[in-house]
């Protein structure tokens, strides 16, 4: 598995973890105000998804930039 595929797979799993923490947050709010750690539990996977998503967003542009650089 190369680096790009590993980041894509990690991004997919992080999205699952993020979704589960958001669902848990809503369920916890049914019983009243949840503790702060429950409220902020979606943030770590969200920030990791931000970085992996930005990496995947830049990949096509970086490939095009590298391809143009090799032709010169």
N, C-alpha and C. Protein backbone atom coordinates (compact mmCIF):
# COMPACT_ATOMS: atom_id res chain seq x y z
N UNK A 1 0.86 -1.18 0.00
CA UNK A 1 0.00 0.00 0.00
C UNK A 1 0.90 1.24 0.00
N UNK A 2 0.67 2.12 -0.94
CA UNK A 2 1.51 3.31 -0.98
C UNK A 2 0.95 4.39 -0.06
N UNK A 3 1.69 5.47 0.04
CA UNK A 3 1.39 6.54 0.99
C UNK A 3 0.02 7.17 0.71
N UNK A 4 -0.29 7.41 -0.54
CA UNK A 4 -1.55 8.05 -0.91
C UNK A 4 -2.75 7.17 -0.53
N UNK A 5 -2.65 5.88 -0.81
CA UNK A 5 -3.74 4.97 -0.45
C UNK A 5 -3.93 4.87 1.06
N UNK A 6 -2.83 4.91 1.79
CA UNK A 6 -2.92 4.85 3.25
C UNK A 6 -3.63 6.08 3.80
N UNK A 7 -3.35 7.24 3.23
CA UNK A 7 -4.02 8.46 3.69
C UNK A 7 -5.49 8.42 3.33
N UNK A 8 -5.83 7.92 2.14
CA UNK A 8 -7.24 7.80 1.75
C UNK A 8 -7.99 6.86 2.69
N UNK A 9 -7.38 5.73 3.01
CA UNK A 9 -8.01 4.78 3.92
C UNK A 9 -8.17 5.37 5.32
N UNK A 10 -7.15 6.07 5.78
CA UNK A 10 -7.22 6.72 7.09
C UNK A 10 -8.33 7.77 7.10
N UNK A 11 -8.46 8.51 6.01
CA UNK A 11 -9.51 9.53 5.91
C UNK A 11 -10.89 8.88 5.98
N UNK A 12 -11.05 7.74 5.33
CA UNK A 12 -12.34 7.03 5.38
C UNK A 12 -12.67 6.59 6.80
N UNK A 13 -11.69 6.00 7.49
CA UNK A 13 -11.94 5.54 8.85
C UNK A 13 -12.17 6.70 9.80
N UNK A 14 -11.46 7.80 9.59
CA UNK A 14 -11.69 8.97 10.42
C UNK A 14 -13.10 9.51 10.23
N UNK A 15 -13.61 9.44 9.01
CA UNK A 15 -14.98 9.92 8.78
C UNK A 15 -16.00 9.05 9.51
N UNK A 16 -15.73 7.75 9.60
CA UNK A 16 -16.61 6.87 10.37
C UNK A 16 -16.56 7.21 11.85
N UNK A 17 -15.34 7.41 12.38
CA UNK A 17 -15.19 7.78 13.79
C UNK A 17 -15.86 9.12 14.06
N UNK A 18 -15.68 10.07 13.17
CA UNK A 18 -16.31 11.38 13.33
C UNK A 18 -17.83 11.25 13.37
N UNK A 19 -18.39 10.48 12.46
CA UNK A 19 -19.84 10.31 12.41
C UNK A 19 -20.35 9.67 13.70
N UNK A 20 -19.65 8.66 14.18
CA UNK A 20 -20.07 8.00 15.42
C UNK A 20 -19.99 8.94 16.63
N UNK A 21 -18.97 9.79 16.68
CA UNK A 21 -18.88 10.71 17.82
C UNK A 21 -19.97 11.78 17.76
N UNK A 22 -20.34 12.20 16.55
CA UNK A 22 -21.44 13.18 16.44
C UNK A 22 -22.75 12.53 16.86
N UNK A 23 -22.98 11.29 16.44
CA UNK A 23 -24.20 10.58 16.85
C UNK A 23 -24.22 10.40 18.37
N UNK A 24 -23.08 10.02 18.95
CA UNK A 24 -22.99 9.86 20.40
C UNK A 24 -23.25 11.19 21.11
N UNK A 25 -22.80 12.27 20.51
CA UNK A 25 -23.03 13.59 21.09
C UNK A 25 -24.52 13.91 21.14
N UNK A 26 -25.24 13.63 20.05
CA UNK A 26 -26.68 13.88 20.03
C UNK A 26 -27.41 12.97 21.02
N UNK A 27 -27.00 11.72 21.11
CA UNK A 27 -27.63 10.80 22.06
C UNK A 27 -27.38 11.27 23.49
N UNK A 28 -26.17 11.74 23.78
CA UNK A 28 -25.86 12.21 25.13
C UNK A 28 -26.67 13.44 25.48
N UNK A 29 -27.01 14.27 24.51
CA UNK A 29 -27.79 15.48 24.77
C UNK A 29 -29.25 15.17 25.09
N UNK A 30 -29.70 13.97 24.77
CA UNK A 30 -31.07 13.59 25.13
C UNK A 30 -31.23 13.59 26.65
N UNK A 31 -30.18 13.18 27.36
CA UNK A 31 -30.25 13.06 28.81
C UNK A 31 -29.81 14.32 29.54
N UNK A 32 -29.61 15.40 28.82
CA UNK A 32 -29.19 16.66 29.45
C UNK A 32 -27.86 17.12 28.88
N UNK A 33 -27.27 18.06 29.56
CA UNK A 33 -25.99 18.62 29.10
C UNK A 33 -24.87 17.60 29.34
N UNK A 34 -24.21 17.15 28.25
CA UNK A 34 -23.14 16.17 28.42
C UNK A 34 -21.86 16.82 28.93
N UNK A 35 -20.95 16.01 29.45
CA UNK A 35 -19.66 16.56 29.88
C UNK A 35 -18.89 17.14 28.69
N UNK A 36 -17.93 17.97 28.99
CA UNK A 36 -17.17 18.66 27.94
C UNK A 36 -16.46 17.67 27.02
N UNK A 37 -15.95 16.56 27.56
CA UNK A 37 -15.21 15.62 26.71
C UNK A 37 -16.12 14.99 25.67
N UNK A 38 -17.40 14.83 25.97
CA UNK A 38 -18.34 14.29 24.98
C UNK A 38 -18.64 15.35 23.94
N UNK A 39 -18.81 16.59 24.40
CA UNK A 39 -19.12 17.68 23.48
C UNK A 39 -18.00 17.90 22.48
N UNK A 40 -16.77 17.81 22.93
CA UNK A 40 -15.63 18.09 22.06
C UNK A 40 -15.02 16.84 21.44
N UNK A 41 -15.60 15.68 21.66
CA UNK A 41 -15.02 14.44 21.11
C UNK A 41 -15.00 14.39 19.58
N UNK A 42 -15.90 15.05 18.84
CA UNK A 42 -15.78 15.02 17.37
C UNK A 42 -14.61 15.84 16.82
N UNK A 43 -14.04 16.72 17.61
CA UNK A 43 -13.02 17.61 17.08
C UNK A 43 -11.71 16.93 16.67
N UNK A 44 -11.13 16.02 17.45
CA UNK A 44 -9.87 15.40 16.99
C UNK A 44 -9.98 14.70 15.64
N UNK A 45 -11.00 13.84 15.41
CA UNK A 45 -11.08 13.25 14.08
C UNK A 45 -11.36 14.29 12.99
N UNK A 46 -12.09 15.34 13.34
CA UNK A 46 -12.38 16.38 12.36
C UNK A 46 -11.10 17.10 11.94
N UNK A 47 -10.23 17.43 12.88
CA UNK A 47 -8.98 18.09 12.54
C UNK A 47 -8.07 17.18 11.73
N UNK A 48 -8.03 15.90 12.07
CA UNK A 48 -7.22 14.96 11.27
C UNK A 48 -7.79 14.82 9.87
N UNK A 49 -9.12 14.83 9.75
CA UNK A 49 -9.74 14.78 8.43
C UNK A 49 -9.44 16.04 7.64
N UNK A 50 -9.30 17.17 8.31
CA UNK A 50 -8.96 18.41 7.63
C UNK A 50 -7.61 18.25 6.93
N UNK A 51 -6.62 17.74 7.64
CA UNK A 51 -5.29 17.60 7.05
C UNK A 51 -5.24 16.55 5.96
N UNK A 52 -5.89 15.41 6.19
CA UNK A 52 -5.88 14.38 5.14
C UNK A 52 -6.71 14.82 3.94
N UNK A 53 -7.78 15.55 4.17
CA UNK A 53 -8.59 16.05 3.07
C UNK A 53 -7.85 17.10 2.25
N UNK A 54 -7.13 17.98 2.92
CA UNK A 54 -6.33 18.96 2.19
C UNK A 54 -5.23 18.28 1.38
N UNK A 55 -4.63 17.25 1.93
CA UNK A 55 -3.61 16.50 1.20
C UNK A 55 -4.21 15.90 -0.08
N UNK A 56 -5.38 15.27 0.06
CA UNK A 56 -6.01 14.66 -1.11
C UNK A 56 -6.49 15.71 -2.11
N UNK A 57 -6.85 16.89 -1.63
CA UNK A 57 -7.27 17.97 -2.51
C UNK A 57 -6.09 18.46 -3.36
N UNK A 58 -4.91 18.52 -2.77
CA UNK A 58 -3.73 19.05 -3.46
C UNK A 58 -3.10 18.03 -4.39
N UNK A 59 -3.35 16.75 -4.18
CA UNK A 59 -2.70 15.71 -5.00
C UNK A 59 -2.81 15.92 -6.50
N UNK A 60 -3.98 16.17 -7.08
CA UNK A 60 -4.03 16.35 -8.54
C UNK A 60 -3.23 17.56 -9.01
N UNK A 61 -3.24 18.63 -8.24
CA UNK A 61 -2.49 19.81 -8.62
C UNK A 61 -0.99 19.56 -8.53
N UNK A 62 -0.56 18.83 -7.51
CA UNK A 62 0.86 18.50 -7.37
C UNK A 62 1.31 17.57 -8.50
N UNK A 63 0.47 16.63 -8.88
CA UNK A 63 0.83 15.73 -9.98
C UNK A 63 0.97 16.51 -11.29
N UNK A 64 0.06 17.44 -11.51
CA UNK A 64 0.12 18.27 -12.72
C UNK A 64 1.37 19.15 -12.69
N UNK A 65 1.69 19.68 -11.51
CA UNK A 65 2.86 20.54 -11.38
C UNK A 65 4.15 19.74 -11.63
N UNK A 66 4.19 18.51 -11.10
CA UNK A 66 5.36 17.67 -11.33
C UNK A 66 5.48 17.27 -12.78
N UNK A 67 4.35 16.98 -13.43
CA UNK A 67 4.38 16.58 -14.84
C UNK A 67 4.85 17.74 -15.72
N UNK A 68 4.42 18.95 -15.42
CA UNK A 68 4.88 20.11 -16.19
C UNK A 68 6.35 20.41 -15.94
N UNK A 69 6.82 20.14 -14.75
CA UNK A 69 8.22 20.37 -14.42
C UNK A 69 9.15 19.39 -15.12
N UNK A 70 8.71 18.18 -15.36
CA UNK A 70 9.56 17.17 -16.00
C UNK A 70 9.70 17.41 -17.49
N UNK A 71 8.72 18.07 -18.10
CA UNK A 71 8.79 18.33 -19.54
C UNK A 71 9.79 19.41 -19.89
N UNK A 72 10.07 20.30 -18.97
CA UNK A 72 10.95 21.43 -19.27
C UNK A 72 12.38 21.01 -19.40
